[in-house]
Full PDB file with SEQRES, HELIX, SHEET, SSBOND, CRYST1, ORIGX, SCALE, CONECT and MASTER records, all heavy atoms in Angstrom:
SEQRES   1 A   31  VAL ARG GLY HIS ARG ARG ALA ALA ARG ARG ARG GLU ALA          
SEQRES   2 A   31  ALA LEU ARG ARG LEU PRO PRO LEU PRO VAL GLU PRO ASP          
SEQRES   3 A   31  LEU ALA ASP GLU VAL                                          
HELIX    1 AA1 ARG A    2  LEU A   15  1                                  14    
CRYST1    1.000    1.000    1.000  90.00  90.00  90.00 P 1           1          
ORIGX1      1.000000  0.000000  0.000000        0.00000                         
ORIGX2      0.000000  1.000000  0.000000        0.00000                         
ORIGX3      0.000000  0.000000  1.000000        0.00000                         
SCALE1      1.000000  0.000000  0.000000        0.00000                         
SCALE2      0.000000  1.000000  0.000000        0.00000                         
SCALE3      0.000000  0.000000  1.000000        0.00000                         
ATOM      1  N   VAL A   1       0.830  -1.172   0.021  1.00  0.00           N  
ATOM      2  CA  VAL A   1      -0.007  -0.005   0.038  1.00  0.00           C  
ATOM      3  C   VAL A   1       0.895   1.232   0.028  1.00  0.00           C  
ATOM      4  O   VAL A   1       0.615   2.175  -0.780  1.00  0.00           O  
ATOM      5  CB  VAL A   1      -0.936   0.024   1.217  1.00  0.00           C  
ATOM      6  CG1 VAL A   1      -1.575   1.359   1.394  1.00  0.00           C  
ATOM      7  CG2 VAL A   1      -2.048  -1.075   1.046  1.00  0.00           C  
ATOM      8  N   ARG A   2       1.879   1.219   0.830  1.00  0.00           N  
ATOM      9  CA  ARG A   2       2.785   2.430   0.847  1.00  0.00           C  
ATOM     10  C   ARG A   2       3.496   2.602  -0.522  1.00  0.00           C  
ATOM     11  O   ARG A   2       3.617   3.705  -0.989  1.00  0.00           O  
ATOM     12  CB  ARG A   2       3.872   2.243   1.921  1.00  0.00           C  
ATOM     13  CG  ARG A   2       3.393   2.486   3.346  1.00  0.00           C  
ATOM     14  CD  ARG A   2       4.541   2.594   4.305  1.00  0.00           C  
ATOM     15  NE  ARG A   2       5.312   1.359   4.456  1.00  0.00           N  
ATOM     16  CZ  ARG A   2       5.085   0.504   5.376  1.00  0.00           C  
ATOM     17  NH1 ARG A   2       4.096   0.671   6.246  1.00  0.00           N  
ATOM     18  NH2 ARG A   2       5.796  -0.588   5.454  1.00  0.00           N  
ATOM     19  N   GLY A   3       3.908   1.520  -1.105  1.00  0.00           N  
ATOM     20  CA  GLY A   3       4.515   1.566  -2.458  1.00  0.00           C  
ATOM     21  C   GLY A   3       3.546   2.133  -3.493  1.00  0.00           C  
ATOM     22  O   GLY A   3       3.923   2.923  -4.406  1.00  0.00           O  
ATOM     23  N   HIS A   4       2.308   1.656  -3.421  1.00  0.00           N  
ATOM     24  CA  HIS A   4       1.319   2.133  -4.375  1.00  0.00           C  
ATOM     25  C   HIS A   4       1.054   3.615  -4.174  1.00  0.00           C  
ATOM     26  O   HIS A   4       0.874   4.358  -5.157  1.00  0.00           O  
ATOM     27  CB  HIS A   4       0.021   1.422  -4.152  1.00  0.00           C  
ATOM     28  CG  HIS A   4      -1.145   1.962  -4.927  1.00  0.00           C  
ATOM     29  ND1 HIS A   4      -1.288   1.794  -6.285  1.00  0.00           N  
ATOM     30  CD2 HIS A   4      -2.179   2.793  -4.525  1.00  0.00           C  
ATOM     31  CE1 HIS A   4      -2.340   2.447  -6.684  1.00  0.00           C  
ATOM     32  NE2 HIS A   4      -2.900   3.042  -5.625  1.00  0.00           N  
ATOM     33  N   ARG A   5       1.002   4.099  -2.970  1.00  0.00           N  
ATOM     34  CA  ARG A   5       0.738   5.483  -2.732  1.00  0.00           C  
ATOM     35  C   ARG A   5       1.883   6.376  -3.310  1.00  0.00           C  
ATOM     36  O   ARG A   5       1.612   7.378  -3.856  1.00  0.00           O  
ATOM     37  CB  ARG A   5       0.577   5.765  -1.240  1.00  0.00           C  
ATOM     38  CG  ARG A   5      -0.773   5.206  -0.656  1.00  0.00           C  
ATOM     39  CD  ARG A   5      -0.985   5.653   0.769  1.00  0.00           C  
ATOM     40  NE  ARG A   5      -2.377   5.340   1.177  1.00  0.00           N  
ATOM     41  CZ  ARG A   5      -2.833   5.575   2.350  1.00  0.00           C  
ATOM     42  NH1 ARG A   5      -2.012   6.119   3.297  1.00  0.00           N  
ATOM     43  NH2 ARG A   5      -4.059   5.206   2.715  1.00  0.00           N  
ATOM     44  N   ARG A   6       3.109   5.898  -3.062  1.00  0.00           N  
ATOM     45  CA  ARG A   6       4.227   6.645  -3.660  1.00  0.00           C  
ATOM     46  C   ARG A   6       4.163   6.726  -5.134  1.00  0.00           C  
ATOM     47  O   ARG A   6       4.385   7.794  -5.739  1.00  0.00           O  
ATOM     48  CB  ARG A   6       5.577   6.031  -3.173  1.00  0.00           C  
ATOM     49  CG  ARG A   6       5.938   6.207  -1.715  1.00  0.00           C  
ATOM     50  CD  ARG A   6       7.344   5.864  -1.479  1.00  0.00           C  
ATOM     51  NE  ARG A   6       7.563   4.445  -1.598  1.00  0.00           N  
ATOM     52  CZ  ARG A   6       7.461   3.531  -0.642  1.00  0.00           C  
ATOM     53  NH1 ARG A   6       7.145   3.902   0.566  1.00  0.00           N  
ATOM     54  NH2 ARG A   6       7.688   2.264  -0.898  1.00  0.00           N  
ATOM     55  N   ALA A   7       3.866   5.618  -5.775  1.00  0.00           N  
ATOM     56  CA  ALA A   7       3.734   5.525  -7.254  1.00  0.00           C  
ATOM     57  C   ALA A   7       2.595   6.409  -7.660  1.00  0.00           C  
ATOM     58  O   ALA A   7       2.633   7.076  -8.739  1.00  0.00           O  
ATOM     59  CB  ALA A   7       3.525   4.162  -7.724  1.00  0.00           C  
ATOM     60  N   ALA A   8       1.419   6.413  -6.921  1.00  0.00           N  
ATOM     61  CA  ALA A   8       0.317   7.177  -7.288  1.00  0.00           C  
ATOM     62  C   ALA A   8       0.601   8.685  -7.242  1.00  0.00           C  
ATOM     63  O   ALA A   8       0.153   9.448  -8.145  1.00  0.00           O  
ATOM     64  CB  ALA A   8      -0.926   6.868  -6.435  1.00  0.00           C  
ATOM     65  N   ARG A   9       1.345   9.060  -6.235  1.00  0.00           N  
ATOM     66  CA  ARG A   9       1.718  10.494  -6.179  1.00  0.00           C  
ATOM     67  C   ARG A   9       2.607  10.894  -7.307  1.00  0.00           C  
ATOM     68  O   ARG A   9       2.400  12.011  -7.950  1.00  0.00           O  
ATOM     69  CB  ARG A   9       2.433  10.746  -4.835  1.00  0.00           C  
ATOM     70  CG  ARG A   9       1.523  10.807  -3.628  1.00  0.00           C  
ATOM     71  CD  ARG A   9       2.156  11.426  -2.391  1.00  0.00           C  
ATOM     72  NE  ARG A   9       3.262  10.522  -1.909  1.00  0.00           N  
ATOM     73  CZ  ARG A   9       3.118   9.634  -1.002  1.00  0.00           C  
ATOM     74  NH1 ARG A   9       1.913   9.398  -0.432  1.00  0.00           N  
ATOM     75  NH2 ARG A   9       4.115   8.885  -0.540  1.00  0.00           N  
ATOM     76  N   ARG A  10       3.527  10.055  -7.710  1.00  0.00           N  
ATOM     77  CA  ARG A  10       4.382  10.384  -8.848  1.00  0.00           C  
ATOM     78  C   ARG A  10       3.544  10.454 -10.160  1.00  0.00           C  
ATOM     79  O   ARG A  10       3.726  11.287 -11.021  1.00  0.00           O  
ATOM     80  CB  ARG A  10       5.518   9.344  -9.001  1.00  0.00           C  
ATOM     81  CG  ARG A  10       6.577   9.425  -7.934  1.00  0.00           C  
ATOM     82  CD  ARG A  10       7.780   8.616  -8.317  1.00  0.00           C  
ATOM     83  NE  ARG A  10       7.452   7.158  -8.448  1.00  0.00           N  
ATOM     84  CZ  ARG A  10       7.605   6.314  -7.393  1.00  0.00           C  
ATOM     85  NH1 ARG A  10       7.936   6.713  -6.186  1.00  0.00           N  
ATOM     86  NH2 ARG A  10       7.341   5.068  -7.589  1.00  0.00           N  
ATOM     87  N   ARG A  11       2.630   9.497 -10.334  1.00  0.00           N  
ATOM     88  CA  ARG A  11       1.713   9.440 -11.488  1.00  0.00           C  
ATOM     89  C   ARG A  11       0.823  10.689 -11.555  1.00  0.00           C  
ATOM     90  O   ARG A  11       0.702  11.303 -12.662  1.00  0.00           O  
ATOM     91  CB  ARG A  11       0.937   8.162 -11.518  1.00  0.00           C  
ATOM     92  CG  ARG A  11       0.048   7.936 -12.748  1.00  0.00           C  
ATOM     93  CD  ARG A  11      -0.514   6.565 -12.774  1.00  0.00           C  
ATOM     94  NE  ARG A  11      -1.303   6.268 -11.641  1.00  0.00           N  
ATOM     95  CZ  ARG A  11      -0.986   5.416 -10.684  1.00  0.00           C  
ATOM     96  NH1 ARG A  11       0.212   4.826 -10.650  1.00  0.00           N  
ATOM     97  NH2 ARG A  11      -1.803   5.180  -9.660  1.00  0.00           N  
ATOM     98  N   GLU A  12       0.296  11.070 -10.448  1.00  0.00           N  
ATOM     99  CA  GLU A  12      -0.596  12.202 -10.378  1.00  0.00           C  
ATOM    100  C   GLU A  12       0.163  13.488 -10.750  1.00  0.00           C  
ATOM    101  O   GLU A  12      -0.339  14.409 -11.453  1.00  0.00           O  
ATOM    102  CB  GLU A  12      -1.257  12.378  -9.039  1.00  0.00           C  
ATOM    103  CG  GLU A  12      -2.306  11.324  -8.798  1.00  0.00           C  
ATOM    104  CD  GLU A  12      -2.741  11.286  -7.303  1.00  0.00           C  
ATOM    105  OE1 GLU A  12      -2.290  12.185  -6.518  1.00  0.00           O  
ATOM    106  OE2 GLU A  12      -3.579  10.407  -6.989  1.00  0.00           O  
ATOM    107  N   ALA A  13       1.444  13.608 -10.206  1.00  0.00           N  
ATOM    108  CA  ALA A  13       2.197  14.774 -10.599  1.00  0.00           C  
ATOM    109  C   ALA A  13       2.479  14.831 -12.094  1.00  0.00           C  
ATOM    110  O   ALA A  13       2.478  15.924 -12.726  1.00  0.00           O  
ATOM    111  CB  ALA A  13       3.501  14.698  -9.780  1.00  0.00           C  
ATOM    112  N   ALA A  14       2.736  13.678 -12.682  1.00  0.00           N  
ATOM    113  CA  ALA A  14       2.968  13.622 -14.137  1.00  0.00           C  
ATOM    114  C   ALA A  14       1.730  13.973 -14.920  1.00  0.00           C  
ATOM    115  O   ALA A  14       1.759  14.692 -15.935  1.00  0.00           O  
ATOM    116  CB  ALA A  14       3.469  12.284 -14.524  1.00  0.00           C  
ATOM    117  N   LEU A  15       0.568  13.490 -14.455  1.00  0.00           N  
ATOM    118  CA  LEU A  15      -0.665  13.725 -15.173  1.00  0.00           C  
ATOM    119  C   LEU A  15      -1.099  15.211 -15.086  1.00  0.00           C  
ATOM    120  O   LEU A  15      -1.661  15.729 -16.076  1.00  0.00           O  
ATOM    121  CB  LEU A  15      -1.783  12.878 -14.580  1.00  0.00           C  
ATOM    122  CG  LEU A  15      -1.706  11.390 -14.922  1.00  0.00           C  
ATOM    123  CD1 LEU A  15      -2.783  10.611 -14.152  1.00  0.00           C  
ATOM    124  CD2 LEU A  15      -1.852  11.153 -16.402  1.00  0.00           C  
ATOM    125  N   ARG A  16      -0.740  15.879 -14.028  1.00  0.00           N  
ATOM    126  CA  ARG A  16      -1.120  17.271 -13.882  1.00  0.00           C  
ATOM    127  C   ARG A  16      -0.342  18.167 -14.939  1.00  0.00           C  
ATOM    128  O   ARG A  16      -0.745  19.241 -15.224  1.00  0.00           O  
ATOM    129  CB  ARG A  16      -0.766  17.815 -12.499  1.00  0.00           C  
ATOM    130  CG  ARG A  16      -1.781  17.370 -11.472  1.00  0.00           C  
ATOM    131  CD  ARG A  16      -1.602  18.176 -10.131  1.00  0.00           C  
ATOM    132  NE  ARG A  16      -0.340  17.959  -9.509  1.00  0.00           N  
ATOM    133  CZ  ARG A  16      -0.188  16.989  -8.550  1.00  0.00           C  
ATOM    134  NH1 ARG A  16      -1.227  16.236  -8.181  1.00  0.00           N  
ATOM    135  NH2 ARG A  16       0.975  16.807  -7.980  1.00  0.00           N  
ATOM    136  N   ARG A  17       0.718  17.561 -15.496  1.00  0.00           N  
ATOM    137  CA  ARG A  17       1.430  18.346 -16.489  1.00  0.00           C  
ATOM    138  C   ARG A  17       0.927  18.153 -17.851  1.00  0.00           C  
ATOM    139  O   ARG A  17       1.383  18.701 -18.831  1.00  0.00           O  
ATOM    140  CB  ARG A  17       2.967  17.921 -16.455  1.00  0.00           C  
ATOM    141  CG  ARG A  17       3.625  18.328 -15.105  1.00  0.00           C  
ATOM    142  CD  ARG A  17       5.149  18.106 -15.218  1.00  0.00           C  
ATOM    143  NE  ARG A  17       5.607  16.747 -15.288  1.00  0.00           N  
ATOM    144  CZ  ARG A  17       5.839  15.991 -14.289  1.00  0.00           C  
ATOM    145  NH1 ARG A  17       5.807  16.470 -13.129  1.00  0.00           N  
ATOM    146  NH2 ARG A  17       6.237  14.758 -14.486  1.00  0.00           N  
ATOM    147  N   LEU A  18      -0.064  17.181 -18.042  1.00  0.00           N  
ATOM    148  CA  LEU A  18      -0.679  16.892 -19.328  1.00  0.00           C  
ATOM    149  C   LEU A  18      -1.908  17.664 -19.462  1.00  0.00           C  
ATOM    150  O   LEU A  18      -2.623  18.042 -18.575  1.00  0.00           O  
ATOM    151  CB  LEU A  18      -0.989  15.380 -19.485  1.00  0.00           C  
ATOM    152  CG  LEU A  18       0.243  14.432 -19.291  1.00  0.00           C  
ATOM    153  CD1 LEU A  18      -0.255  12.976 -19.334  1.00  0.00           C  
ATOM    154  CD2 LEU A  18       1.197  14.674 -20.510  1.00  0.00           C  
ATOM    155  N   PRO A  19      -2.358  17.892 -20.780  1.00  0.00           N  
ATOM    156  CA  PRO A  19      -3.672  18.561 -20.991  1.00  0.00           C  
ATOM    157  C   PRO A  19      -4.810  17.627 -20.632  1.00  0.00           C  
ATOM    158  O   PRO A  19      -4.641  16.445 -20.640  1.00  0.00           O  
ATOM    159  CB  PRO A  19      -3.665  18.754 -22.582  1.00  0.00           C  
ATOM    160  CG  PRO A  19      -2.722  17.763 -23.055  1.00  0.00           C  
ATOM    161  CD  PRO A  19      -1.623  17.663 -22.029  1.00  0.00           C  
ATOM    162  N   PRO A  20      -5.993  18.176 -20.214  1.00  0.00           N  
ATOM    163  CA  PRO A  20      -7.046  17.353 -19.768  1.00  0.00           C  
ATOM    164  C   PRO A  20      -7.650  16.482 -20.845  1.00  0.00           C  
ATOM    165  O   PRO A  20      -7.603  16.840 -22.012  1.00  0.00           O  
ATOM    166  CB  PRO A  20      -8.114  18.363 -19.293  1.00  0.00           C  
ATOM    167  CG  PRO A  20      -7.800  19.602 -20.034  1.00  0.00           C  
ATOM    168  CD  PRO A  20      -6.229  19.637 -20.147  1.00  0.00           C  
ATOM    169  N   LEU A  21      -8.073  15.243 -20.439  1.00  0.00           N  
ATOM    170  CA  LEU A  21      -8.637  14.317 -21.384  1.00  0.00           C  
ATOM    171  C   LEU A  21     -10.168  14.534 -21.494  1.00  0.00           C  
ATOM    172  O   LEU A  21     -10.756  15.044 -20.601  1.00  0.00           O  
ATOM    173  CB  LEU A  21      -8.388  12.862 -20.914  1.00  0.00           C  
ATOM    174  CG  LEU A  21      -6.966  12.386 -20.808  1.00  0.00           C  
ATOM    175  CD1 LEU A  21      -6.837  11.047 -20.225  1.00  0.00           C  
ATOM    176  CD2 LEU A  21      -6.314  12.395 -22.259  1.00  0.00           C  
ATOM    177  N   PRO A  22     -10.753  14.193 -22.649  1.00  0.00           N  
ATOM    178  CA  PRO A  22     -12.192  14.270 -22.798  1.00  0.00           C  
ATOM    179  C   PRO A  22     -12.946  13.374 -21.780  1.00  0.00           C  
ATOM    180  O   PRO A  22     -12.425  12.316 -21.478  1.00  0.00           O  
ATOM    181  CB  PRO A  22     -12.495  13.866 -24.241  1.00  0.00           C  
ATOM    182  CG  PRO A  22     -11.292  13.032 -24.619  1.00  0.00           C  
ATOM    183  CD  PRO A  22     -10.121  13.601 -23.884  1.00  0.00           C  
ATOM    184  N   VAL A  23     -14.108  13.832 -21.272  1.00  0.00           N  
ATOM    185  CA  VAL A  23     -14.856  13.099 -20.315  1.00  0.00           C  
ATOM    186  C   VAL A  23     -15.523  11.897 -20.989  1.00  0.00           C  
ATOM    187  O   VAL A  23     -16.137  12.037 -22.008  1.00  0.00           O  
ATOM    188  CB  VAL A  23     -15.891  13.982 -19.610  1.00  0.00           C  
ATOM    189  CG1 VAL A  23     -16.768  13.183 -18.674  1.00  0.00           C  
ATOM    190  CG2 VAL A  23     -15.192  15.144 -18.914  1.00  0.00           C  
ATOM    191  N   GLU A  24     -15.346  10.719 -20.403  1.00  0.00           N  
ATOM    192  CA  GLU A  24     -15.993   9.501 -20.961  1.00  0.00           C  
ATOM    193  C   GLU A  24     -17.263   9.234 -20.218  1.00  0.00           C  
ATOM    194  O   GLU A  24     -17.478   9.567 -19.043  1.00  0.00           O  
ATOM    195  CB  GLU A  24     -15.047   8.252 -20.765  1.00  0.00           C  
ATOM    196  CG  GLU A  24     -13.725   8.433 -21.555  1.00  0.00           C  
ATOM    197  CD  GLU A  24     -13.971   8.270 -23.066  1.00  0.00           C  
ATOM    198  OE1 GLU A  24     -14.987   7.737 -23.483  1.00  0.00           O  
ATOM    199  OE2 GLU A  24     -13.098   8.828 -23.769  1.00  0.00           O  
ATOM    200  N   PRO A  25     -18.284   8.599 -20.934  1.00  0.00           N  
ATOM    201  CA  PRO A  25     -19.586   8.260 -20.216  1.00  0.00           C  
ATOM    202  C   PRO A  25     -19.333   7.305 -19.104  1.00  0.00           C  
ATOM    203  O   PRO A  25     -18.496   6.424 -19.195  1.00  0.00           O  
ATOM    204  CB  PRO A  25     -20.408   7.644 -21.365  1.00  0.00           C  
ATOM    205  CG  PRO A  25     -19.398   7.220 -22.412  1.00  0.00           C  
ATOM    206  CD  PRO A  25     -18.248   8.150 -22.271  1.00  0.00           C  
ATOM    207  N   ASP A  26     -20.125   7.421 -18.003  1.00  0.00           N  
ATOM    208  CA  ASP A  26     -20.047   6.542 -16.896  1.00  0.00           C  
ATOM    209  C   ASP A  26     -20.930   5.300 -17.079  1.00  0.00           C  
ATOM    210  O   ASP A  26     -22.133   5.404 -17.254  1.00  0.00           O  
ATOM    211  CB  ASP A  26     -20.487   7.263 -15.616  1.00  0.00           C  
ATOM    212  CG  ASP A  26     -20.245   6.403 -14.358  1.00  0.00           C  
ATOM    213  OD1 ASP A  26     -19.779   5.272 -14.481  1.00  0.00           O  
ATOM    214  OD2 ASP A  26     -20.699   6.950 -13.260  1.00  0.00           O  
ATOM    215  N   LEU A  27     -20.323   4.114 -17.192  1.00  0.00           N  
ATOM    216  CA  LEU A  27     -21.041   2.858 -17.425  1.00  0.00           C  
ATOM    217  C   LEU A  27     -20.965   1.933 -16.219  1.00  0.00           C  
ATOM    218  O   LEU A  27     -20.688   0.791 -16.331  1.00  0.00           O  
ATOM    219  CB  LEU A  27     -20.458   2.178 -18.694  1.00  0.00           C  
ATOM    220  CG  LEU A  27     -20.441   3.003 -19.965  1.00  0.00           C  
ATOM    221  CD1 LEU A  27     -19.796   2.209 -21.057  1.00  0.00           C  
ATOM    222  CD2 LEU A  27     -21.818   3.406 -20.379  1.00  0.00           C  
ATOM    223  N   ALA A  28     -21.276   2.470 -15.033  1.00  0.00           N  
ATOM    224  CA  ALA A  28     -21.076   1.723 -13.785  1.00  0.00           C  
ATOM    225  C   ALA A  28     -22.339   1.129 -13.207  1.00  0.00           C  
ATOM    226  O   ALA A  28     -22.275   0.690 -12.090  1.00  0.00           O  
ATOM    227  CB  ALA A  28     -20.393   2.670 -12.754  1.00  0.00           C  
ATOM    228  N   ASP A  29     -23.389   0.978 -13.957  1.00  0.00           N  
ATOM    229  CA  ASP A  29     -24.640   0.458 -13.438  1.00  0.00           C  
ATOM    230  C   ASP A  29     -24.442  -0.960 -12.856  1.00  0.00           C  
ATOM    231  O   ASP A  29     -24.971  -1.270 -11.821  1.00  0.00           O  
ATOM    232  CB  ASP A  29     -25.753   0.493 -14.450  1.00  0.00           C  
ATOM    233  CG  ASP A  29     -26.240   1.895 -14.784  1.00  0.00           C  
ATOM    234  OD1 ASP A  29     -25.961   2.794 -13.996  1.00  0.00           O  
ATOM    235  OD2 ASP A  29     -26.881   2.078 -15.771  1.00  0.00           O  
ATOM    236  N   GLU A  30     -23.677  -1.764 -13.592  1.00  0.00           N  
ATOM    237  CA  GLU A  30     -23.584  -3.150 -13.169  1.00  0.00           C  
ATOM    238  C   GLU A  30     -22.702  -3.301 -11.956  1.00  0.00           C  
ATOM    239  O   GLU A  30     -22.601  -4.420 -11.392  1.00  0.00           O  
ATOM    240  CB  GLU A  30     -23.066  -4.077 -14.356  1.00  0.00           C  
ATOM    241  CG  GLU A  30     -21.594  -3.897 -14.646  1.00  0.00           C  
ATOM    242  CD  GLU A  30     -21.386  -2.668 -15.579  1.00  0.00           C  
ATOM    243  OE1 GLU A  30     -22.274  -1.905 -15.775  1.00  0.00           O  
ATOM    244  OE2 GLU A  30     -20.248  -2.566 -16.163  1.00  0.00           O  
ATOM    245  N   VAL A  31     -21.989  -2.261 -11.566  1.00  0.00           N  
ATOM    246  CA  VAL A  31     -21.184  -2.374 -10.350  1.00  0.00           C  
ATOM    247  C   VAL A  31     -21.627  -1.353  -9.278  1.00  0.00           C  
ATOM    248  O   VAL A  31     -20.774  -0.812  -8.584  1.00  0.00           O  
ATOM    249  CB  VAL A  31     -19.655  -2.118 -10.734  1.00  0.00           C  
ATOM    250  CG1 VAL A  31     -19.100  -3.194 -11.565  1.00  0.00           C  
ATOM    251  CG2 VAL A  31     -19.474  -0.773 -11.414  1.00  0.00           C  
TER     252      VAL A  31                                                      
MASTER        0    0    0    1    0    0    0    6  251    1    0    3          
END                                                                             
């Protein structure tokens, strides 16, 4: 869990430097 959190923080920092992606439809009814 600690390793995942460190990786997630690095990934989020990288994503913040990218332009926003188009919003996809939410298909979560079955879950």
